[in-house]
Amino acid sequence: MSVAKTMTVEAMEKINAEATASADQAVSKFLEQYGEPMYCGFAWVNVKARSNSKLGKALQKVGFKKSWESGVLYKWSPSSYFGQSMDIKEEAAMAYVKVLSNYGIDAWYGSRAD
């Protein structure tokens, strides 16, 4: 059975906490290694999920929103980093996606320069 059909809000809350912690760790590691590059931009996480599916409803409970793309939900800036560095935001988004992927959730990140 697919993750989309079996996901509960409680399970997604745990996955989100793990993914956010991973994203925050990635930010800390990047800042420690490289400092804060001054290339401004944004990054987010996309998940292939219909908003009315069990997975979609669980994702929306942890901050995901409907995308302009059909069947996709997104979460803007998935860490607690509030700076402007696109490099750091991408690192956080990649770490978040990796955790989701480990749970069988079809996720990828997107970014754009400011």
C-alpha atoms as a PDB file:
ATOM      1  CA  MET A   1       0.000   0.000   0.000  1.00  0.00           C
ATOM      2  CA  SER A   2       1.348   3.444  -0.855  1.00  0.00           C
ATOM      3  CA  VAL A   3       2.338   6.103   1.657  1.00  0.00           C
ATOM      4  CA  ALA A   4      -0.332   8.400   0.216  1.00  0.00           C
ATOM      5  CA  LYS A   5      -3.105   6.016   1.281  1.00  0.00           C
ATOM      6  CA  THR A   6      -1.795   5.183   4.761  1.00  0.00           C
ATOM      7  CA  MET A   7      -0.304   8.440   6.081  1.00  0.00           C
ATOM      8  CA  THR A   8      -1.734   9.753   9.337  1.00  0.00           C
ATOM      9  CA  VAL A   9      -1.424  13.281  10.689  1.00  0.00           C
ATOM     10  CA  GLU A  10       0.469  11.936  13.720  1.00  0.00           C
ATOM     11  CA  ALA A  11       2.988  10.096  11.519  1.00  0.00           C
ATOM     12  CA  MET A  12       3.443  13.170   9.315  1.00  0.00           C
ATOM     13  CA  GLU A  13       4.023  15.363  12.372  1.00  0.00           C
ATOM     14  CA  LYS A  14       6.869  13.036  13.427  1.00  0.00           C
ATOM     15  CA  ILE A  15       8.321  12.965   9.910  1.00  0.00           C
ATOM     16  CA  ASN A  16       8.056  16.758   9.691  1.00  0.00           C
ATOM     17  CA  ALA A  17       9.873  17.149  13.042  1.00  0.00           C
ATOM     18  CA  GLU A  18      12.644  14.839  11.835  1.00  0.00           C
ATOM     19  CA  ALA A  19      12.876  16.601   8.458  1.00  0.00           C
ATOM     20  CA  THR A  20      12.929  20.063  10.063  1.00  0.00           C
ATOM     21  CA  ALA A  21      15.656  18.972  12.489  1.00  0.00           C
ATOM     22  CA  SER A  22      17.650  17.594   9.557  1.00  0.00           C
ATOM     23  CA  ALA A  23      17.175  20.866   7.654  1.00  0.00           C
ATOM     24  CA  ASP A  24      18.311  22.875  10.693  1.00  0.00           C
ATOM     25  CA  GLN A  25      21.387  20.646  11.068  1.00  0.00           C
ATOM     26  CA  ALA A  26      22.223  21.173   7.402  1.00  0.00           C
ATOM     27  CA  VAL A  27      21.980  24.941   7.906  1.00  0.00           C
ATOM     28  CA  SER A  28      24.263  24.838  10.963  1.00  0.00           C
ATOM     29  CA  LYS A  29      26.815  22.652   9.169  1.00  0.00           C
ATOM     30  CA  PHE A  30      26.808  24.893   6.089  1.00  0.00           C
ATOM     31  CA  LEU A  31      27.200  28.077   8.161  1.00  0.00           C
ATOM     32  CA  GLU A  32      30.032  26.508  10.154  1.00  0.00           C
ATOM     33  CA  GLN A  33      31.844  25.417   6.994  1.00  0.00           C
ATOM     34  CA  TYR A  34      31.250  28.323   4.637  1.00  0.00           C
ATOM     35  CA  GLY A  35      29.667  31.220   6.481  1.00  0.00           C
ATOM     36  CA  GLU A  36      26.739  32.996   4.886  1.00  0.00           C
ATOM     37  CA  PRO A  37      27.082  33.516   1.123  1.00  0.00           C
ATOM     38  CA  MET A  38      25.445  36.703  -0.072  1.00  0.00           C
ATOM     39  CA  TYR A  39      23.566  35.172  -2.984  1.00  0.00           C
ATOM     40  CA  CYS A  40      19.956  35.943  -2.139  1.00  0.00           C
ATOM     41  CA  GLY A  41      17.105  33.658  -3.050  1.00  0.00           C
ATOM     42  CA  PHE A  42      14.442  31.220  -1.965  1.00  0.00           C
ATOM     43  CA  ALA A  43      14.027  27.454  -1.650  1.00  0.00           C
ATOM     44  CA  TRP A  44      11.058  25.213  -0.989  1.00  0.00           C
ATOM     45  CA  VAL A  45      10.032  21.571  -0.892  1.00  0.00           C
ATOM     46  CA  ASN A  46       7.518  20.038  -3.309  1.00  0.00           C
ATOM     47  CA  VAL A  47       5.596  16.811  -2.724  1.00  0.00           C
ATOM     48  CA  LYS A  48       3.569  14.898  -5.279  1.00  0.00           C
ATOM     49  CA  ALA A  49       0.258  14.631  -3.430  1.00  0.00           C
ATOM     50  CA  ARG A  50      -3.320  15.595  -4.078  1.00  0.00           C
ATOM     51  CA  SER A  51      -4.607  18.006  -1.453  1.00  0.00           C
ATOM     52  CA  ASN A  52      -7.611  15.784  -0.686  1.00  0.00           C
ATOM     53  CA  SER A  53      -5.584  12.569  -0.210  1.00  0.00           C
ATOM     54  CA  LYS A  54      -4.593  11.259   3.237  1.00  0.00           C
ATOM     55  CA  LEU A  55      -0.991  12.279   2.548  1.00  0.00           C
ATOM     56  CA  GLY A  56      -2.082  15.687   1.249  1.00  0.00           C
ATOM     57  CA  LYS A  57      -4.220  16.385   4.299  1.00  0.00           C
ATOM     58  CA  ALA A  58      -1.406  15.316   6.631  1.00  0.00           C
ATOM     59  CA  LEU A  59       1.091  17.509   4.757  1.00  0.00           C
ATOM     60  CA  GLN A  60      -1.216  20.502   4.992  1.00  0.00           C
ATOM     61  CA  LYS A  61      -1.408  20.018   8.776  1.00  0.00           C
ATOM     62  CA  VAL A  62       2.370  20.535   8.967  1.00  0.00           C
ATOM     63  CA  GLY A  63       2.479  23.652   6.801  1.00  0.00           C
ATOM     64  CA  PHE A  64       2.332  22.534   3.182  1.00  0.00           C
ATOM     65  CA  LYS A  65       0.169  24.554   0.780  1.00  0.00           C
ATOM     66  CA  LYS A  66      -1.404  23.878  -2.611  1.00  0.00           C
ATOM     67  CA  SER A  67       0.950  24.605  -5.482  1.00  0.00           C
ATOM     68  CA  TRP A  68       0.005  26.158  -8.784  1.00  0.00           C
ATOM     69  CA  GLU A  69       0.989  22.746 -10.209  1.00  0.00           C
ATOM     70  CA  SER A  70      -1.795  20.173 -10.192  1.00  0.00           C
ATOM     71  CA  GLY A  71      -1.262  17.401  -7.647  1.00  0.00           C
ATOM     72  CA  VAL A  72       1.630  19.134  -5.884  1.00  0.00           C
ATOM     73  CA  LEU A  73       1.904  20.634  -2.408  1.00  0.00           C
ATOM     74  CA  TYR A  74       4.819  22.807  -1.297  1.00  0.00           C
ATOM     75  CA  LYS A  75       6.469  24.057   1.877  1.00  0.00           C
ATOM     76  CA  TRP A  76       8.326  27.335   1.736  1.00  0.00           C
ATOM     77  CA  SER A  77      11.746  27.561   3.456  1.00  0.00           C
ATOM     78  CA  PRO A  78      11.602  24.318   5.487  1.00  0.00           C
ATOM     79  CA  SER A  79      14.092  25.237   8.244  1.00  0.00           C
ATOM     80  CA  SER A  80      14.278  27.829  10.993  1.00  0.00           C
ATOM     81  CA  TYR A  81      16.875  29.826   9.000  1.00  0.00           C
ATOM     82  CA  PHE A  82      15.572  33.316   8.274  1.00  0.00           C
ATOM     83  CA  GLY A  83      18.538  34.751   6.382  1.00  0.00           C
ATOM     84  CA  GLN A  84      18.595  35.494   2.673  1.00  0.00           C
ATOM     85  CA  SER A  85      21.242  33.071   1.376  1.00  0.00           C
ATOM     86  CA  MET A  86      19.831  30.855  -1.343  1.00  0.00           C
ATOM     87  CA  ASP A  87      22.714  28.400  -0.885  1.00  0.00           C
ATOM     88  CA  ILE A  88      21.734  27.817   2.735  1.00  0.00           C
ATOM     89  CA  LYS A  89      18.034  27.567   1.929  1.00  0.00           C
ATOM     90  CA  GLU A  90      18.808  24.973  -0.752  1.00  0.00           C
ATOM     91  CA  GLU A  91      20.863  22.913   1.723  1.00  0.00           C
ATOM     92  CA  ALA A  92      17.937  22.954   4.154  1.00  0.00           C
ATOM     93  CA  ALA A  93      15.448  21.987   1.446  1.00  0.00           C
ATOM     94  CA  MET A  94      17.675  19.118   0.237  1.00  0.00           C
ATOM     95  CA  ALA A  95      17.973  17.769   3.790  1.00  0.00           C
ATOM     96  CA  TYR A  96      14.203  17.982   4.274  1.00  0.00           C
ATOM     97  CA  VAL A  97      13.569  16.191   0.969  1.00  0.00           C
ATOM     98  CA  LYS A  98      16.009  13.426   1.899  1.00  0.00           C
ATOM     99  CA  VAL A  99      14.040  12.629   5.061  1.00  0.00           C
ATOM    100  CA  LEU A 100      10.723  12.610   3.186  1.00  0.00           C
ATOM    101  CA  SER A 101      12.224  10.360   0.520  1.00  0.00           C
ATOM    102  CA  ASN A 102      13.444   7.941   3.209  1.00  0.00           C
ATOM    103  CA  TYR A 103       9.778   7.473   4.129  1.00  0.00           C
ATOM    104  CA  GLY A 104       8.737   6.819   0.533  1.00  0.00           C
ATOM    105  CA  ILE A 105       7.291  10.280  -0.064  1.00  0.00           C
ATOM    106  CA  ASP A 106       7.819  11.608  -3.607  1.00  0.00           C
ATOM    107  CA  ALA A 107       9.534  14.933  -2.838  1.00  0.00           C
ATOM    108  CA  TRP A 108      11.955  17.347  -4.514  1.00  0.00           C
ATOM    109  CA  TYR A 109      13.118  20.873  -3.901  1.00  0.00           C
ATOM    110  CA  GLY A 110      12.949  24.015  -5.962  1.00  0.00           C
ATOM    111  CA  SER A 111      14.738  27.345  -5.692  1.00  0.00           C
ATOM    112  CA  ARG A 112      15.150  30.659  -7.396  1.00  0.00           C
ATOM    113  CA  ALA A 113      17.386  33.689  -7.029  1.00  0.00           C
ATOM    114  CA  ASP A 114      15.974  36.906  -5.710  1.00  0.00           C
END
